C-alpha atoms as a PDB file:
ATOM      1  CA  MET A   1     -44.883   5.040  43.699  1.00  0.00           C
ATOM      2  CA  GLN A   2     -47.242   2.453  45.498  1.00  0.00           C
ATOM      3  CA  SER A   3     -46.784  -1.115  45.362  1.00  0.00           C
ATOM      4  CA  ASP A   4     -50.330  -1.999  44.620  1.00  0.00           C
ATOM      5  CA  LEU A   5     -49.005  -0.420  40.803  1.00  0.00           C
ATOM      6  CA  PHE A   6     -46.514  -3.277  40.398  1.00  0.00           C
ATOM      7  CA  ALA A   7     -48.647  -6.506  41.872  1.00  0.00           C
ATOM      8  CA  THR A   8     -46.303  -9.290  41.043  1.00  0.00           C
ATOM      9  CA  GLU A   9     -44.473  -7.616  38.848  1.00  0.00           C
ATOM     10  CA  GLU A  10     -40.899  -6.456  38.426  1.00  0.00           C
ATOM     11  CA  ILE A  11     -40.759  -2.560  39.485  1.00  0.00           C
ATOM     12  CA  VAL A  12     -40.067  -0.962  35.654  1.00  0.00           C
ATOM     13  CA  ALA A  13     -38.508   2.383  38.119  1.00  0.00           C
ATOM     14  CA  ILE A  14     -35.981  -0.061  38.915  1.00  0.00           C
ATOM     15  CA  PRO A  15     -34.502  -2.944  37.489  1.00  0.00           C
ATOM     16  CA  GLY A  16     -34.333  -6.511  39.295  1.00  0.00           C
ATOM     17  CA  LEU A  17     -36.728  -4.941  42.205  1.00  0.00           C
ATOM     18  CA  ARG A  18     -39.453  -7.676  42.582  1.00  0.00           C
ATOM     19  CA  TYR A  19     -43.099  -7.689  44.912  1.00  0.00           C
ATOM     20  CA  GLU A  20     -45.313  -9.807  45.562  1.00  0.00           C
ATOM     21  CA  LYS A  21     -48.116  -9.577  48.284  1.00  0.00           C
ATOM     22  CA  ASP A  22     -49.997 -12.766  49.810  1.00  0.00           C
ATOM     23  CA  PHE A  23     -46.720 -14.608  49.364  1.00  0.00           C
ATOM     24  CA  LEU A  24     -48.101 -16.324  52.801  1.00  0.00           C
ATOM     25  CA  THR A  25     -51.364 -17.031  54.729  1.00  0.00           C
ATOM     26  CA  HIS A  26     -52.906 -15.825  57.396  1.00  0.00           C
ATOM     27  CA  GLU A  27     -52.726 -18.927  59.066  1.00  0.00           C
ATOM     28  CA  GLU A  28     -48.651 -19.401  58.134  1.00  0.00           C
ATOM     29  CA  GLU A  29     -47.927 -15.833  59.203  1.00  0.00           C
ATOM     30  CA  ALA A  30     -49.265 -16.731  62.547  1.00  0.00           C
ATOM     31  CA  ALA A  31     -47.165 -19.788  62.777  1.00  0.00           C
ATOM     32  CA  LEU A  32     -44.431 -18.115  62.328  1.00  0.00           C
ATOM     33  CA  LEU A  33     -44.832 -15.045  64.833  1.00  0.00           C
ATOM     34  CA  ASP A  34     -45.314 -17.855  67.028  1.00  0.00           C
ATOM     35  CA  LEU A  35     -41.433 -19.051  66.263  1.00  0.00           C
ATOM     36  CA  MET A  36     -40.152 -16.022  66.151  1.00  0.00           C
ATOM     37  CA  SER A  37     -41.482 -15.069  69.992  1.00  0.00           C
ATOM     38  CA  THR A  38     -38.763 -18.469  70.717  1.00  0.00           C
ATOM     39  CA  LEU A  39     -35.278 -17.141  69.279  1.00  0.00           C
ATOM     40  CA  GLN A  40     -32.526 -15.548  70.975  1.00  0.00           C
ATOM     41  CA  LEU A  41     -32.439 -12.767  69.537  1.00  0.00           C
ATOM     42  CA  GLN A  42     -29.454  -9.948  70.518  1.00  0.00           C
ATOM     43  CA  PRO A  43     -29.397  -6.138  68.804  1.00  0.00           C
ATOM     44  CA  ALA A  44     -27.633  -5.447  65.933  1.00  0.00           C
ATOM     45  CA  LYS A  45     -24.234  -4.349  66.213  1.00  0.00           C
ATOM     46  CA  TYR A  46     -22.309  -1.804  63.801  1.00  0.00           C
ATOM     47  CA  LYS A  47     -18.679  -1.239  65.117  1.00  0.00           C
ATOM     48  CA  GLU A  48     -19.591  -0.182  68.960  1.00  0.00           C
ATOM     49  CA  TYR A  49     -23.076   1.020  68.018  1.00  0.00           C
ATOM     50  CA  LEU A  50     -25.747  -1.271  69.314  1.00  0.00           C
ATOM     51  CA  ALA A  51     -28.526  -0.899  66.802  1.00  0.00           C
ATOM     52  CA  ARG A  52     -32.383  -0.405  68.123  1.00  0.00           C
ATOM     53  CA  ARG A  53     -33.529  -3.836  66.310  1.00  0.00           C
ATOM     54  CA  GLN A  54     -32.815  -7.003  67.307  1.00  0.00           C
ATOM     55  CA  VAL A  55     -31.624  -9.823  64.711  1.00  0.00           C
ATOM     56  CA  ILE A  56     -30.296 -13.735  64.438  1.00  0.00           C
ATOM     57  CA  SER A  57     -28.427 -14.922  61.908  1.00  0.00           C
ATOM     58  CA  TYR A  58     -27.886 -18.020  60.457  1.00  0.00           C
ATOM     59  CA  GLY A  59     -25.371 -19.428  58.192  1.00  0.00           C
ATOM     60  CA  GLY A  60     -22.936 -16.159  58.383  1.00  0.00           C
ATOM     61  CA  SER A  61     -22.700 -12.790  60.545  1.00  0.00           C
ATOM     62  CA  TYR A  62     -20.876  -9.999  58.959  1.00  0.00           C
ATOM     63  CA  ASP A  63     -18.465  -8.628  61.235  1.00  0.00           C
ATOM     64  CA  PHE A  64     -17.826  -4.584  60.827  1.00  0.00           C
ATOM     65  CA  ASP A  65     -15.079  -4.387  62.706  1.00  0.00           C
ATOM     66  CA  THR A  66     -12.667  -7.027  60.216  1.00  0.00           C
ATOM     67  CA  HIS A  67     -15.332  -6.251  57.397  1.00  0.00           C
ATOM     68  CA  ARG A  68     -15.327  -9.997  57.233  1.00  0.00           C
ATOM     69  CA  LEU A  69     -18.302 -12.669  56.816  1.00  0.00           C
ATOM     70  CA  ARG A  70     -17.641 -15.199  59.593  1.00  0.00           C
ATOM     71  CA  PRO A  71     -19.568 -18.241  60.403  1.00  0.00           C
ATOM     72  CA  ALA A  72     -22.870 -18.418  62.346  1.00  0.00           C
ATOM     73  CA  LYS A  73     -25.281 -20.684  63.547  1.00  0.00           C
ATOM     74  CA  ASP A  74     -27.020 -23.615  61.060  1.00  0.00           C
ATOM     75  CA  LEU A  75     -30.112 -22.445  60.209  1.00  0.00           C
ATOM     76  CA  ASP A  76     -33.155 -23.684  62.394  1.00  0.00           C
ATOM     77  CA  GLU A  77     -34.816 -26.636  61.213  1.00  0.00           C
ATOM     78  CA  ARG A  78     -38.149 -25.155  61.832  1.00  0.00           C
ATOM     79  CA  LEU A  79     -37.307 -21.770  59.166  1.00  0.00           C
ATOM     80  CA  ALA A  80     -36.153 -24.749  56.274  1.00  0.00           C
ATOM     81  CA  PRO A  81     -39.769 -25.002  54.721  1.00  0.00           C
ATOM     82  CA  LEU A  82     -40.097 -21.371  54.506  1.00  0.00           C
ATOM     83  CA  ARG A  83     -36.512 -21.004  53.057  1.00  0.00           C
ATOM     84  CA  ASP A  84     -37.102 -24.179  50.450  1.00  0.00           C
ATOM     85  CA  ARG A  85     -40.775 -21.964  49.537  1.00  0.00           C
ATOM     86  CA  VAL A  86     -38.221 -18.598  48.698  1.00  0.00           C
ATOM     87  CA  ALA A  87     -35.928 -20.663  47.019  1.00  0.00           C
ATOM     88  CA  ASP A  88     -38.450 -21.683  44.716  1.00  0.00           C
ATOM     89  CA  TRP A  89     -39.941 -18.070  44.256  1.00  0.00           C
ATOM     90  CA  LEU A  90     -36.315 -17.179  43.226  1.00  0.00           C
ATOM     91  CA  ALA A  91     -35.667 -20.141  41.105  1.00  0.00           C
ATOM     92  CA  VAL A  92     -32.479 -21.095  42.968  1.00  0.00           C
ATOM     93  CA  ASP A  93     -31.376 -24.292  44.168  1.00  0.00           C
ATOM     94  CA  ARG A  94     -32.096 -24.317  48.335  1.00  0.00           C
ATOM     95  CA  ARG A  95     -28.584 -24.780  48.686  1.00  0.00           C
ATOM     96  CA  GLN A  96     -28.238 -21.306  46.989  1.00  0.00           C
ATOM     97  CA  ILE A  97     -29.481 -19.456  50.231  1.00  0.00           C
ATOM     98  CA  VAL A  98     -26.401 -19.404  52.270  1.00  0.00           C
ATOM     99  CA  GLN A  99     -26.977 -16.831  54.704  1.00  0.00           C
ATOM    100  CA  VAL A 100     -30.623 -16.026  56.643  1.00  0.00           C
ATOM    101  CA  LEU A 101     -31.639 -12.857  59.084  1.00  0.00           C
ATOM    102  CA  VAL A 102     -33.899 -12.849  61.004  1.00  0.00           C
ATOM    103  CA  ALA A 103     -34.906  -9.338  62.356  1.00  0.00           C
ATOM    104  CA  GLU A 104     -37.749  -8.017  65.088  1.00  0.00           C
ATOM    105  CA  TYR A 105     -38.431  -4.293  64.574  1.00  0.00           C
ATOM    106  CA  ALA A 106     -40.265  -2.569  67.483  1.00  0.00           C
ATOM    107  CA  PRO A 107     -42.635   0.489  67.359  1.00  0.00           C
ATOM    108  CA  GLY A 108     -40.866   3.178  66.051  1.00  0.00           C
ATOM    109  CA  THR A 109     -37.520   1.445  64.212  1.00  0.00           C
ATOM    110  CA  PRO A 110     -36.345   2.638  61.384  1.00  0.00           C
ATOM    111  CA  LEU A 111     -33.277   1.317  59.557  1.00  0.00           C
ATOM    112  CA  GLY A 112     -30.863   4.052  57.400  1.00  0.00           C
ATOM    113  CA  TRP A 113     -30.138   4.086  53.943  1.00  0.00           C
ATOM    114  CA  HIS A 114     -27.793   1.139  53.296  1.00  0.00           C
ATOM    115  CA  ARG A 115     -27.104  -1.656  50.633  1.00  0.00           C
ATOM    116  CA  ASP A 116     -26.903  -4.892  51.627  1.00  0.00           C
ATOM    117  CA  VAL A 117     -22.761  -6.122  52.612  1.00  0.00           C
ATOM    118  CA  PRO A 118     -21.525  -7.438  49.245  1.00  0.00           C
ATOM    119  CA  ASP A 119     -20.613 -10.941  50.553  1.00  0.00           C
ATOM    120  CA  PHE A 120     -24.037 -11.788  48.796  1.00  0.00           C
ATOM    121  CA  GLU A 121     -25.845 -11.521  45.842  1.00  0.00           C
ATOM    122  CA  ILE A 122     -29.962 -12.251  45.514  1.00  0.00           C
ATOM    123  CA  ILE A 123     -31.804 -10.351  48.939  1.00  0.00           C
ATOM    124  CA  ALA A 124     -34.981 -11.481  49.458  1.00  0.00           C
ATOM    125  CA  GLY A 125     -37.077 -10.318  52.439  1.00  0.00           C
ATOM    126  CA  VAL A 126     -40.548 -11.847  53.558  1.00  0.00           C
ATOM    127  CA  SER A 127     -42.355  -9.130  55.896  1.00  0.00           C
ATOM    128  CA  LEU A 128     -44.622 -10.154  59.140  1.00  0.00           C
ATOM    129  CA  GLY A 129     -46.560  -7.921  61.128  1.00  0.00           C
ATOM    130  CA  SER A 130     -46.539  -4.969  60.298  1.00  0.00           C
ATOM    131  CA  GLU A 131     -47.001  -3.058  57.118  1.00  0.00           C
ATOM    132  CA  VAL A 132     -43.835  -0.932  56.758  1.00  0.00           C
ATOM    133  CA  THR A 133     -42.393   1.533  54.203  1.00  0.00           C
ATOM    134  CA  LEU A 134     -39.180   0.873  51.978  1.00  0.00           C
ATOM    135  CA  ARG A 135     -37.135   3.661  50.589  1.00  0.00           C
ATOM    136  CA  PHE A 136     -34.923   3.645  47.562  1.00  0.00           C
ATOM    137  CA  ARG A 137     -32.481   6.176  46.040  1.00  0.00           C
ATOM    138  CA  PRO A 138     -29.829   5.741  42.957  1.00  0.00           C
ATOM    139  CA  TYR A 139     -26.633   4.672  44.805  1.00  0.00           C
ATOM    140  CA  PRO A 140     -24.275   7.178  45.011  1.00  0.00           C
ATOM    141  CA  PRO A 141     -26.480   9.094  46.789  1.00  0.00           C
ATOM    142  CA  ASP A 142     -26.728  12.943  45.625  1.00  0.00           C
ATOM    143  CA  GLN A 143     -29.194  16.004  44.744  1.00  0.00           C
ATOM    144  CA  ALA A 144     -30.702  14.178  42.030  1.00  0.00           C
ATOM    145  CA  ALA A 145     -31.011  10.837  44.082  1.00  0.00           C
ATOM    146  CA  LYS A 146     -33.230  12.320  46.200  1.00  0.00           C
ATOM    147  CA  ARG A 147     -35.321  13.296  43.409  1.00  0.00           C
ATOM    148  CA  GLN A 148     -35.664   9.639  41.685  1.00  0.00           C
ATOM    149  CA  ALA A 149     -36.559   8.389  44.996  1.00  0.00           C
ATOM    150  CA  VAL A 150     -38.939   4.973  44.789  1.00  0.00           C
ATOM    151  CA  GLN A 151     -41.486   4.418  47.637  1.00  0.00           C
ATOM    152  CA  LEU A 152     -42.102   0.665  48.021  1.00  0.00           C
ATOM    153  CA  GLU A 153     -45.372  -0.219  50.542  1.00  0.00           C
ATOM    154  CA  VAL A 154     -44.600  -3.305  51.954  1.00  0.00           C
ATOM    155  CA  ALA A 155     -47.752  -5.528  53.178  1.00  0.00           C
ATOM    156  CA  PRO A 156     -47.266  -8.277  55.476  1.00  0.00           C
ATOM    157  CA  ARG A 157     -47.072 -11.107  54.640  1.00  0.00           C
ATOM    158  CA  SER A 158     -45.701 -10.314  51.304  1.00  0.00           C
ATOM    159  CA  ILE A 159     -42.042 -11.234  49.887  1.00  0.00           C
ATOM    160  CA  TYR A 160     -39.687  -8.904  47.855  1.00  0.00           C
ATOM    161  CA  LYS A 161     -36.445  -9.454  45.797  1.00  0.00           C
ATOM    162  CA  MET A 162     -33.640  -7.059  44.913  1.00  0.00           C
ATOM    163  CA  ALA A 163     -31.418  -7.974  42.401  1.00  0.00           C
ATOM    164  CA  GLY A 164     -29.055  -6.375  39.510  1.00  0.00           C
ATOM    165  CA  ALA A 165     -29.096  -2.704  39.815  1.00  0.00           C
ATOM    166  CA  SER A 166     -31.392  -2.659  42.616  1.00  0.00           C
ATOM    167  CA  ARG A 167     -29.533  -4.564  44.489  1.00  0.00           C
ATOM    168  CA  TRP A 168     -26.222  -2.540  43.621  1.00  0.00           C
ATOM    169  CA  ALA A 169     -26.954   0.604  42.082  1.00  0.00           C
ATOM    170  CA  TRP A 170     -29.418   1.936  44.210  1.00  0.00           C
ATOM    171  CA  GLN A 171     -29.819   2.421  47.559  1.00  0.00           C
ATOM    172  CA  HIS A 172     -32.799   1.100  50.372  1.00  0.00           C
ATOM    173  CA  CYS A 173     -34.206   2.403  53.919  1.00  0.00           C
ATOM    174  CA  VAL A 174     -36.586   1.315  56.273  1.00  0.00           C
ATOM    175  CA  ALA A 175     -39.426   3.469  57.412  1.00  0.00           C
ATOM    176  CA  PRO A 176     -40.112   3.754  61.488  1.00  0.00           C
ATOM    177  CA  VAL A 177     -43.023   1.215  62.031  1.00  0.00           C
ATOM    178  CA  LYS A 178     -46.235   1.590  64.004  1.00  0.00           C
ATOM    179  CA  SER A 179     -46.503  -1.895  65.209  1.00  0.00           C
ATOM    180  CA  LEU A 180     -44.241  -4.635  65.872  1.00  0.00           C
ATOM    181  CA  ARG A 181     -42.840  -5.996  62.490  1.00  0.00           C
ATOM    182  CA  TRP A 182     -40.440  -9.084  61.593  1.00  0.00           C
ATOM    183  CA  SER A 183     -38.402  -9.328  58.627  1.00  0.00           C
ATOM    184  CA  ILE A 184     -36.964 -12.976  57.579  1.00  0.00           C
ATOM    185  CA  THR A 185     -33.639 -11.989  55.055  1.00  0.00           C
ATOM    186  CA  PHE A 186     -32.443 -14.282  52.573  1.00  0.00           C
ATOM    187  CA  ARG A 187     -28.908 -14.125  50.772  1.00  0.00           C
ATOM    188  CA  THR A 188     -27.327 -16.571  47.728  1.00  0.00           C
ATOM    189  CA  PRO A 189     -23.240 -15.613  47.572  1.00  0.00           C
ATOM    190  CA  ARG A 190     -21.885 -13.196  45.118  1.00  0.00           C
ATOM    191  CA  GLU A 191     -20.201 -15.072  42.819  1.00  0.00           C
ATOM    192  CA  THR A 192     -17.327 -12.898  43.419  1.00  0.00           C
ATOM    193  CA  ALA A 193     -17.676 -12.438  46.782  1.00  0.00           C
ATOM    194  CA  ARG A 194     -15.258 -10.190  48.720  1.00  0.00           C
ATOM    195  CA  GLN A 195     -14.666 -11.251  51.839  1.00  0.00           C
ATOM    196  CA  THR A 196     -12.497  -7.897  53.148  1.00  0.00           C
ATOM    197  CA  VAL A 197     -13.920  -4.296  51.992  1.00  0.00           C
ATOM    198  CA  ARG A 198     -11.967  -1.842  50.759  1.00  0.00           C
ATOM    199  CA  GLN A 199     -11.833   1.753  50.883  1.00  0.00           C
ATOM    200  CA  THR A 200     -14.777   1.834  52.288  1.00  0.00           C
ATOM    201  CA  THR A 201     -15.822   4.447  55.015  1.00  0.00           C
ATOM    202  CA  LEU A 202     -18.812   3.214  57.483  1.00  0.00           C
ATOM    203  CA  HIS A 203     -20.610   5.784  58.837  1.00  0.00           C
ATOM    204  CA  ARG A 204     -22.433   5.552  62.546  1.00  0.00           C
ATOM    205  CA  PRO A 205     -25.472   3.702  61.614  1.00  0.00           C
ATOM    206  CA  ALA A 206     -28.689   5.843  61.774  1.00  0.00           C
ATOM    207  CA  ASN A 207     -30.800   3.389  63.764  1.00  0.00           C
ATOM    208  CA  ALA A 208     -27.718   2.904  66.087  1.00  0.00           C
ATOM    209  CA  VAL A 209     -28.720   4.100  69.665  1.00  0.00           C
ATOM    210  CA  GLY A 210     -27.665   8.357  69.599  1.00  0.00           C
ATOM    211  CA  SER A 211     -26.484   7.952  66.031  1.00  0.00           C
ATOM    212  CA  ARG A 212     -27.699  10.308  63.241  1.00  0.00           C
ATOM    213  CA  GLY A 213     -25.940   9.562  60.013  1.00  0.00           C
ATOM    214  CA  PRO A 214     -26.156   6.722  57.531  1.00  0.00           C
ATOM    215  CA  ALA A 215     -24.500   3.357  57.098  1.00  0.00           C
ATOM    216  CA  ALA A 216     -22.493   2.235  54.384  1.00  0.00           C
ATOM    217  CA  TYR A 217     -23.868  -1.314  54.378  1.00  0.00           C
ATOM    218  CA  SER A 218     -26.338  -2.952  56.683  1.00  0.00           C
ATOM    219  CA  PRO A 219     -25.800  -7.151  57.221  1.00  0.00           C
END
């Protein structure tokens, strides 16, 4: 199932998933890519494992050792205009976007099957650089879920939103990219956010060094 079939509409196969191409112009993307090169990124960490992607968090950073959301630095003011624009696209107050994650995917870097950590409600992602394939499957996964998998081809300069069923009843993964890609993810708070995740088994993530298993959650 390809993204160009969906235009700017919600994806019927996955309620709550919305995708829009050309959210940014080429010039806006170029300016953001210049900004990305100035950020101080660190390898994403899942317990004792380091992922291949590089990240920086604003507003909050998820601690996989304690399963708690920890404070993080304030948003880089250079990203504030994009935050405001994403808030308008989501039809939420900009103050509702309480966490922003910038991630760099080097060529060949994947992100395994997961749902975003449960402290957040709406997830919106802006994609820069390389095109990428996002795959979705029902959660919890089983053989039937594999048969129901949906593929979304995400173009550079596009934006997508996960809310409702697409946020909670589906997992997603990021296929390895062919060239350098950046994602900027914006999250709103969950109304009854759980600061501690109970009875959750976290496996070694598929994108961690030396790892083969999926992660239950990803920041």
